[in-house]
Amino acid sequence: MNASEQILVELQQLRLQVNVLSANLSPFIGMDEMQSRHGVGGKTLLAMERRGEIPVRVRGKWVRTEVLEWERNHNRM
């Protein structure tokens, strides 16, 4: 791999890291991230919300602090 290719790879890795950090700094969690966090599809996730198994969304997104607190409490059980 030449120097230019190495720089492009490093740039791609940095962009990915920035995206991850930005997502973690956001006060809200979207549907995609919730599906990924819980390993379920959209319909299952919405059913979990209706049954009270996860926090309720606010304006279409979940509040990150509520989800993190729920996950901490859920993992203790």
PDB file of N, CA and C in Angstrom:
ATOM      1  N   MET A   1       0.853  -1.170   0.000  1.00  0.00           N
ATOM      2  CA  MET A   1       0.000   0.000   0.000  1.00  0.00           C
ATOM      3  C   MET A   1       0.903   1.238   0.000  1.00  0.00           C
ATOM      4  N   ASN A   2       0.639   2.132  -0.955  1.00  0.00           N
ATOM      5  CA  ASN A   2       1.469   3.336  -1.006  1.00  0.00           C
ATOM      6  C   ASN A   2       0.959   4.374   0.002  1.00  0.00           C
ATOM      7  N   ALA A   3       1.678   5.462   0.132  1.00  0.00           N
ATOM      8  CA  ALA A   3       1.373   6.479   1.141  1.00  0.00           C
ATOM      9  C   ALA A   3      -0.009   7.099   0.929  1.00  0.00           C
ATOM     10  N   SER A   4      -0.376   7.334  -0.316  1.00  0.00           N
ATOM     11  CA  SER A   4      -1.687   7.936  -0.607  1.00  0.00           C
ATOM     12  C   SER A   4      -2.822   7.009  -0.188  1.00  0.00           C
ATOM     13  N   GLU A   5      -2.670   5.732  -0.486  1.00  0.00           N
ATOM     14  CA  GLU A   5      -3.704   4.763  -0.104  1.00  0.00           C
ATOM     15  C   GLU A   5      -3.810   4.659   1.417  1.00  0.00           C
ATOM     16  N   GLN A   6      -2.672   4.685   2.090  1.00  0.00           N
ATOM     17  CA  GLN A   6      -2.664   4.607   3.550  1.00  0.00           C
ATOM     18  C   GLN A   6      -3.360   5.825   4.154  1.00  0.00           C
ATOM     19  N   ILE A   7      -3.113   6.989   3.584  1.00  0.00           N
ATOM     20  CA  ILE A   7      -3.753   8.212   4.070  1.00  0.00           C
ATOM     21  C   ILE A   7      -5.266   8.131   3.879  1.00  0.00           C
ATOM     22  N   LEU A   8      -5.722   7.604   2.751  1.00  0.00           N
ATOM     23  CA  LEU A   8      -7.157   7.463   2.503  1.00  0.00           C
ATOM     24  C   LEU A   8      -7.806   6.497   3.496  1.00  0.00           C
ATOM     25  N   VAL A   9      -7.123   5.411   3.798  1.00  0.00           N
ATOM     26  CA  VAL A   9      -7.641   4.446   4.770  1.00  0.00           C
ATOM     27  C   VAL A   9      -7.744   5.096   6.150  1.00  0.00           C
ATOM     28  N   GLU A  10      -6.708   5.820   6.538  1.00  0.00           N
ATOM     29  CA  GLU A  10      -6.717   6.494   7.836  1.00  0.00           C
ATOM     30  C   GLU A  10      -7.815   7.549   7.893  1.00  0.00           C
ATOM     31  N   LEU A  11      -8.038   8.253   6.809  1.00  0.00           N
ATOM     32  CA  LEU A  11      -9.095   9.260   6.744  1.00  0.00           C
ATOM     33  C   LEU A  11     -10.469   8.613   6.899  1.00  0.00           C
ATOM     34  N   GLN A  12     -10.677   7.479   6.251  1.00  0.00           N
ATOM     35  CA  GLN A  12     -11.939   6.761   6.384  1.00  0.00           C
ATOM     36  C   GLN A  12     -12.159   6.310   7.828  1.00  0.00           C
ATOM     37  N   GLN A  13     -11.111   5.822   8.476  1.00  0.00           N
ATOM     38  CA  GLN A  13     -11.218   5.395   9.874  1.00  0.00           C
ATOM     39  C   GLN A  13     -11.547   6.569  10.783  1.00  0.00           C
ATOM     40  N   LEU A  14     -10.923   7.708  10.536  1.00  0.00           N
ATOM     41  CA  LEU A  14     -11.201   8.905  11.332  1.00  0.00           C
ATOM     42  C   LEU A  14     -12.649   9.364  11.143  1.00  0.00           C
ATOM     43  N   ARG A  15     -13.141   9.325   9.920  1.00  0.00           N
ATOM     44  CA  ARG A  15     -14.540   9.703   9.665  1.00  0.00           C
ATOM     45  C   ARG A  15     -15.490   8.784  10.416  1.00  0.00           C
ATOM     46  N   LEU A  16     -15.197   7.500  10.412  1.00  0.00           N
ATOM     47  CA  LEU A  16     -16.029   6.545  11.139  1.00  0.00           C
ATOM     48  C   LEU A  16     -16.017   6.842  12.635  1.00  0.00           C
ATOM     49  N   GLN A  17     -14.855   7.120  13.184  1.00  0.00           N
ATOM     50  CA  GLN A  17     -14.746   7.452  14.608  1.00  0.00           C
ATOM     51  C   GLN A  17     -15.513   8.718  14.945  1.00  0.00           C
ATOM     52  N   VAL A  18     -15.449   9.723  14.083  1.00  0.00           N
ATOM     53  CA  VAL A  18     -16.194  10.969  14.306  1.00  0.00           C
ATOM     54  C   VAL A  18     -17.689  10.693  14.291  1.00  0.00           C
ATOM     55  N   ASN A  19     -18.150   9.875  13.367  1.00  0.00           N
ATOM     56  CA  ASN A  19     -19.572   9.537  13.307  1.00  0.00           C
ATOM     57  C   ASN A  19     -20.028   8.824  14.573  1.00  0.00           C
ATOM     58  N   VAL A  20     -19.216   7.906  15.062  1.00  0.00           N
ATOM     59  CA  VAL A  20     -19.560   7.174  16.288  1.00  0.00           C
ATOM     60  C   VAL A  20     -19.598   8.128  17.475  1.00  0.00           C
ATOM     61  N   LEU A  21     -18.599   8.980  17.591  1.00  0.00           N
ATOM     62  CA  LEU A  21     -18.571   9.944  18.695  1.00  0.00           C
ATOM     63  C   LEU A  21     -19.750  10.899  18.618  1.00  0.00           C
ATOM     64  N   SER A  22     -20.079  11.376  17.443  1.00  0.00           N
ATOM     65  CA  SER A  22     -21.216  12.290  17.277  1.00  0.00           C
ATOM     66  C   SER A  22     -22.512  11.620  17.692  1.00  0.00           C
ATOM     67  N   ALA A  23     -22.685  10.374  17.300  1.00  0.00           N
ATOM     68  CA  ALA A  23     -23.896   9.650  17.666  1.00  0.00           C
ATOM     69  C   ALA A  23     -23.990   9.472  19.170  1.00  0.00           C
ATOM     70  N   ASN A  24     -22.865   9.213  19.817  1.00  0.00           N
ATOM     71  CA  ASN A  24     -22.868   9.018  21.262  1.00  0.00           C
ATOM     72  C   ASN A  24     -23.080  10.310  22.032  1.00  0.00           C
ATOM     73  N   LEU A  25     -22.751  11.438  21.407  1.00  0.00           N
ATOM     74  CA  LEU A  25     -22.941  12.719  22.067  1.00  0.00           C
ATOM     75  C   LEU A  25     -24.358  13.247  21.904  1.00  0.00           C
ATOM     76  N   SER A  26     -25.090  12.731  20.959  1.00  0.00           N
ATOM     77  CA  SER A  26     -26.457  13.186  20.726  1.00  0.00           C
ATOM     78  C   SER A  26     -27.333  12.813  21.915  1.00  0.00           C
ATOM     79  N   PRO A  27     -28.209  13.718  22.322  1.00  0.00           N
ATOM     80  CA  PRO A  27     -29.091  13.404  23.449  1.00  0.00           C
ATOM     81  C   PRO A  27     -30.215  12.446  23.066  1.00  0.00           C
ATOM     82  N   PHE A  28     -30.349  12.133  21.785  1.00  0.00           N
ATOM     83  CA  PHE A  28     -31.435  11.270  21.324  1.00  0.00           C
ATOM     84  C   PHE A  28     -30.897  10.059  20.578  1.00  0.00           C
ATOM     85  N   ILE A  29     -31.700   9.005  20.559  1.00  0.00           N
ATOM     86  CA  ILE A  29     -31.378   7.774  19.840  1.00  0.00           C
ATOM     87  C   ILE A  29     -32.491   7.539  18.825  1.00  0.00           C
ATOM     88  N   GLY A  30     -32.106   7.311  17.579  1.00  0.00           N
ATOM     89  CA  GLY A  30     -33.071   7.041  16.523  1.00  0.00           C
ATOM     90  C   GLY A  30     -33.411   5.566  16.423  1.00  0.00           C
ATOM     91  N   MET A  31     -34.342   5.266  15.523  1.00  0.00           N
ATOM     92  CA  MET A  31     -34.829   3.896  15.329  1.00  0.00           C
ATOM     93  C   MET A  31     -33.688   2.946  14.950  1.00  0.00           C
ATOM     94  N   ASP A  32     -32.814   3.360  14.042  1.00  0.00           N
ATOM     95  CA  ASP A  32     -31.716   2.478  13.596  1.00  0.00           C
ATOM     96  C   ASP A  32     -30.820   2.061  14.754  1.00  0.00           C
ATOM     97  N   GLU A  33     -30.443   3.019  15.585  1.00  0.00           N
ATOM     98  CA  GLU A  33     -29.560   2.703  16.705  1.00  0.00           C
ATOM     99  C   GLU A  33     -30.268   1.811  17.725  1.00  0.00           C
ATOM    100  N   MET A  34     -31.547   2.084  17.991  1.00  0.00           N
ATOM    101  CA  MET A  34     -32.286   1.242  18.947  1.00  0.00           C
ATOM    102  C   MET A  34     -32.410  -0.187  18.428  1.00  0.00           C
ATOM    103  N   GLN A  35     -32.678  -0.333  17.138  1.00  0.00           N
ATOM    104  CA  GLN A  35     -32.764  -1.672  16.559  1.00  0.00           C
ATOM    105  C   GLN A  35     -31.432  -2.394  16.718  1.00  0.00           C
ATOM    106  N   SER A  36     -30.360  -1.697  16.469  1.00  0.00           N
ATOM    107  CA  SER A  36     -29.031  -2.282  16.589  1.00  0.00           C
ATOM    108  C   SER A  36     -28.710  -2.638  18.045  1.00  0.00           C
ATOM    109  N   ARG A  37     -29.041  -1.741  18.971  1.00  0.00           N
ATOM    110  CA  ARG A  37     -28.753  -1.967  20.389  1.00  0.00           C
ATOM    111  C   ARG A  37     -29.465  -3.205  20.921  1.00  0.00           C
ATOM    112  N   HIS A  38     -30.687  -3.445  20.438  1.00  0.00           N
ATOM    113  CA  HIS A  38     -31.496  -4.525  20.993  1.00  0.00           C
ATOM    114  C   HIS A  38     -31.617  -5.726  20.064  1.00  0.00           C
ATOM    115  N   GLY A  39     -31.028  -5.635  18.887  1.00  0.00           N
ATOM    116  CA  GLY A  39     -31.009  -6.766  17.968  1.00  0.00           C
ATOM    117  C   GLY A  39     -32.383  -7.183  17.476  1.00  0.00           C
ATOM    118  N   VAL A  40     -33.243  -6.197  17.239  1.00  0.00           N
ATOM    119  CA  VAL A  40     -34.602  -6.489  16.772  1.00  0.00           C
ATOM    120  C   VAL A  40     -34.932  -5.584  15.593  1.00  0.00           C
ATOM    121  N   GLY A  41     -36.011  -5.926  14.893  1.00  0.00           N
ATOM    122  CA  GLY A  41     -36.500  -5.092  13.800  1.00  0.00           C
ATOM    123  C   GLY A  41     -37.408  -3.992  14.318  1.00  0.00           C
ATOM    124  N   GLY A  42     -37.850  -3.155  13.407  1.00  0.00           N
ATOM    125  CA  GLY A  42     -38.674  -2.011  13.768  1.00  0.00           C
ATOM    126  C   GLY A  42     -39.994  -2.383  14.410  1.00  0.00           C
ATOM    127  N   LYS A  43     -40.693  -3.358  13.852  1.00  0.00           N
ATOM    128  CA  LYS A  43     -41.999  -3.749  14.402  1.00  0.00           C
ATOM    129  C   LYS A  43     -41.854  -4.307  15.812  1.00  0.00           C
ATOM    130  N   THR A  44     -40.834  -5.120  16.019  1.00  0.00           N
ATOM    131  CA  THR A  44     -40.606  -5.689  17.351  1.00  0.00           C
ATOM    132  C   THR A  44     -40.261  -4.592  18.348  1.00  0.00           C
ATOM    133  N   LEU A  45     -39.444  -3.651  17.925  1.00  0.00           N
ATOM    134  CA  LEU A  45     -39.053  -2.545  18.797  1.00  0.00           C
ATOM    135  C   LEU A  45     -40.274  -1.729  19.211  1.00  0.00           C
ATOM    136  N   LEU A  46     -41.153  -1.434  18.259  1.00  0.00           N
ATOM    137  CA  LEU A  46     -42.358  -0.665  18.580  1.00  0.00           C
ATOM    138  C   LEU A  46     -43.292  -1.462  19.484  1.00  0.00           C
ATOM    139  N   ALA A  47     -43.355  -2.778  19.291  1.00  0.00           N
ATOM    140  CA  ALA A  47     -44.159  -3.624  20.182  1.00  0.00           C
ATOM    141  C   ALA A  47     -43.572  -3.614  21.589  1.00  0.00           C
ATOM    142  N   MET A  48     -42.256  -3.632  21.705  1.00  0.00           N
ATOM    143  CA  MET A  48     -41.599  -3.569  23.018  1.00  0.00           C
ATOM    144  C   MET A  48     -41.949  -2.253  23.711  1.00  0.00           C
ATOM    145  N   GLU A  49     -41.976  -1.189  22.933  1.00  0.00           N
ATOM    146  CA  GLU A  49     -42.320   0.118  23.492  1.00  0.00           C
ATOM    147  C   GLU A  49     -43.766   0.120  23.995  1.00  0.00           C
ATOM    148  N   ARG A  50     -44.693  -0.423  23.203  1.00  0.00           N
ATOM    149  CA  ARG A  50     -46.108  -0.483  23.607  1.00  0.00           C
ATOM    150  C   ARG A  50     -46.296  -1.306  24.877  1.00  0.00           C
ATOM    151  N   ARG A  51     -45.511  -2.374  25.013  1.00  0.00           N
ATOM    152  CA  ARG A  51     -45.636  -3.244  26.192  1.00  0.00           C
ATOM    153  C   ARG A  51     -44.913  -2.672  27.411  1.00  0.00           C
ATOM    154  N   GLY A  52     -44.207  -1.564  27.249  1.00  0.00           N
ATOM    155  CA  GLY A  52     -43.485  -0.957  28.361  1.00  0.00           C
ATOM    156  C   GLY A  52     -42.164  -1.622  28.660  1.00  0.00           C
ATOM    157  N   GLU A  53     -41.623  -2.358  27.699  1.00  0.00           N
ATOM    158  CA  GLU A  53     -40.363  -3.071  27.896  1.00  0.00           C
ATOM    159  C   GLU A  53     -39.145  -2.180  27.648  1.00  0.00           C
ATOM    160  N   ILE A  54     -39.354  -1.054  27.015  1.00  0.00           N
ATOM    161  CA  ILE A  54     -38.306  -0.065  26.783  1.00  0.00           C
ATOM    162  C   ILE A  54     -38.920   1.308  27.023  1.00  0.00           C
ATOM    163  N   PRO A  55     -38.092   2.333  27.203  1.00  0.00           N
ATOM    164  CA  PRO A  55     -38.643   3.680  27.390  1.00  0.00           C
ATOM    165  C   PRO A  55     -39.474   4.130  26.189  1.00  0.00           C
ATOM    166  N   VAL A  56     -40.337   5.087  26.411  1.00  0.00           N
ATOM    167  CA  VAL A  56     -41.197   5.634  25.371  1.00  0.00           C
ATOM    168  C   VAL A  56     -40.455   6.744  24.632  1.00  0.00           C
ATOM    169  N   ARG A  57     -40.683   6.817  23.332  1.00  0.00           N
ATOM    170  CA  ARG A  57     -40.041   7.850  22.510  1.00  0.00           C
ATOM    171  C   ARG A  57     -40.598   9.238  22.830  1.00  0.00           C
ATOM    172  N   VAL A  58     -39.788  10.233  22.554  1.00  0.00           N
ATOM    173  CA  VAL A  58     -40.184  11.628  22.656  1.00  0.00           C
ATOM    174  C   VAL A  58     -39.974  12.234  21.272  1.00  0.00           C
ATOM    175  N   ARG A  59     -41.052  12.663  20.647  1.00  0.00           N
ATOM    176  CA  ARG A  59     -40.979  13.230  19.293  1.00  0.00           C
ATOM    177  C   ARG A  59     -40.283  12.291  18.312  1.00  0.00           C
ATOM    178  N   GLY A  60     -40.574  11.025  18.406  1.00  0.00           N
ATOM    179  CA  GLY A  60     -40.057  10.043  17.457  1.00  0.00           C
ATOM    180  C   GLY A  60     -38.686   9.478  17.758  1.00  0.00           C
ATOM    181  N   LYS A  61     -38.045   9.949  18.834  1.00  0.00           N
ATOM    182  CA  LYS A  61     -36.725   9.423  19.202  1.00  0.00           C
ATOM    183  C   LYS A  61     -36.705   9.132  20.696  1.00  0.00           C
ATOM    184  N   TRP A  62     -35.777   8.287  21.088  1.00  0.00           N
ATOM    185  CA  TRP A  62     -35.628   7.953  22.497  1.00  0.00           C
ATOM    186  C   TRP A  62     -34.610   8.889  23.130  1.00  0.00           C
ATOM    187  N   VAL A  63     -34.829   9.224  24.386  1.00  0.00           N
ATOM    188  CA  VAL A  63     -33.887  10.058  25.124  1.00  0.00           C
ATOM    189  C   VAL A  63     -32.747   9.152  25.591  1.00  0.00           C
ATOM    190  N   ARG A  64     -31.539   9.494  25.181  1.00  0.00           N
ATOM    191  CA  ARG A  64     -30.377   8.628  25.443  1.00  0.00           C
ATOM    192  C   ARG A  64     -30.208   8.313  26.931  1.00  0.00           C
ATOM    193  N   THR A  65     -30.355   9.313  27.806  1.00  0.00           N
ATOM    194  CA  THR A  65     -30.162   9.066  29.235  1.00  0.00           C
ATOM    195  C   THR A  65     -31.191   8.082  29.772  1.00  0.00           C
ATOM    196  N   GLU A  66     -32.426   8.148  29.279  1.00  0.00           N
ATOM    197  CA  GLU A  66     -33.462   7.203  29.716  1.00  0.00           C
ATOM    198  C   GLU A  66     -33.139   5.790  29.260  1.00  0.00           C
ATOM    199  N   VAL A  67     -32.676   5.668  28.028  1.00  0.00           N
ATOM    200  CA  VAL A  67     -32.343   4.339  27.491  1.00  0.00           C
ATOM    201  C   VAL A  67     -31.158   3.746  28.254  1.00  0.00           C
ATOM    202  N   LEU A  68     -30.130   4.561  28.504  1.00  0.00           N
ATOM    203  CA  LEU A  68     -28.959   4.062  29.237  1.00  0.00           C
ATOM    204  C   LEU A  68     -29.340   3.631  30.646  1.00  0.00           C
ATOM    205  N   GLU A  69     -30.189   4.405  31.308  1.00  0.00           N
ATOM    206  CA  GLU A  69     -30.637   4.035  32.657  1.00  0.00           C
ATOM    207  C   GLU A  69     -31.455   2.750  32.614  1.00  0.00           C
ATOM    208  N   TRP A  70     -32.348   2.622  31.627  1.00  0.00           N
ATOM    209  CA  TRP A  70     -33.152   1.413  31.489  1.00  0.00           C
ATOM    210  C   TRP A  70     -32.246   0.208  31.259  1.00  0.00           C
ATOM    211  N   GLU A  71     -31.232   0.369  30.391  1.00  0.00           N
ATOM    212  CA  GLU A  71     -30.324  -0.746  30.109  1.00  0.00           C
ATOM    213  C   GLU A  71     -29.539  -1.147  31.359  1.00  0.00           C
ATOM    214  N   ARG A  72     -29.102  -0.167  32.154  1.00  0.00           N
ATOM    215  CA  ARG A  72     -28.398  -0.497  33.401  1.00  0.00           C
ATOM    216  C   ARG A  72     -29.299  -1.289  34.335  1.00  0.00           C
ATOM    217  N   ASN A  73     -30.530  -0.835  34.495  1.00  0.00           N
ATOM    218  CA  ASN A  73     -31.475  -1.522  35.385  1.00  0.00           C
ATOM    219  C   ASN A  73     -31.848  -2.888  34.839  1.00  0.00           C
ATOM    220  N   HIS A  74     -32.002  -2.994  33.561  1.00  0.00           N
ATOM    221  CA  HIS A  74     -32.393  -4.260  32.928  1.00  0.00           C
ATOM    222  C   HIS A  74     -31.282  -5.296  33.062  1.00  0.00           C
ATOM    223  N   ASN A  75     -30.048  -4.864  32.939  1.00  0.00           N
ATOM    224  CA  ASN A  75     -28.909  -5.800  33.022  1.00  0.00           C
ATOM    225  C   ASN A  75     -28.679  -6.312  34.439  1.00  0.00           C
ATOM    226  N   ARG A  76     -29.197  -5.610  35.433  1.00  0.00           N
ATOM    227  CA  ARG A  76     -29.032  -6.062  36.814  1.00  0.00           C
ATOM    228  C   ARG A  76     -29.979  -7.199  37.146  1.00  0.00           C
ATOM    229  N   MET A  77     -31.038  -7.359  36.383  1.00  0.00           N
ATOM    230  CA  MET A  77     -32.048  -8.372  36.696  1.00  0.00           C
ATOM    231  C   MET A  77     -31.536  -9.759  36.404  1.00  0.00           C
TER     232      MET A  77
END
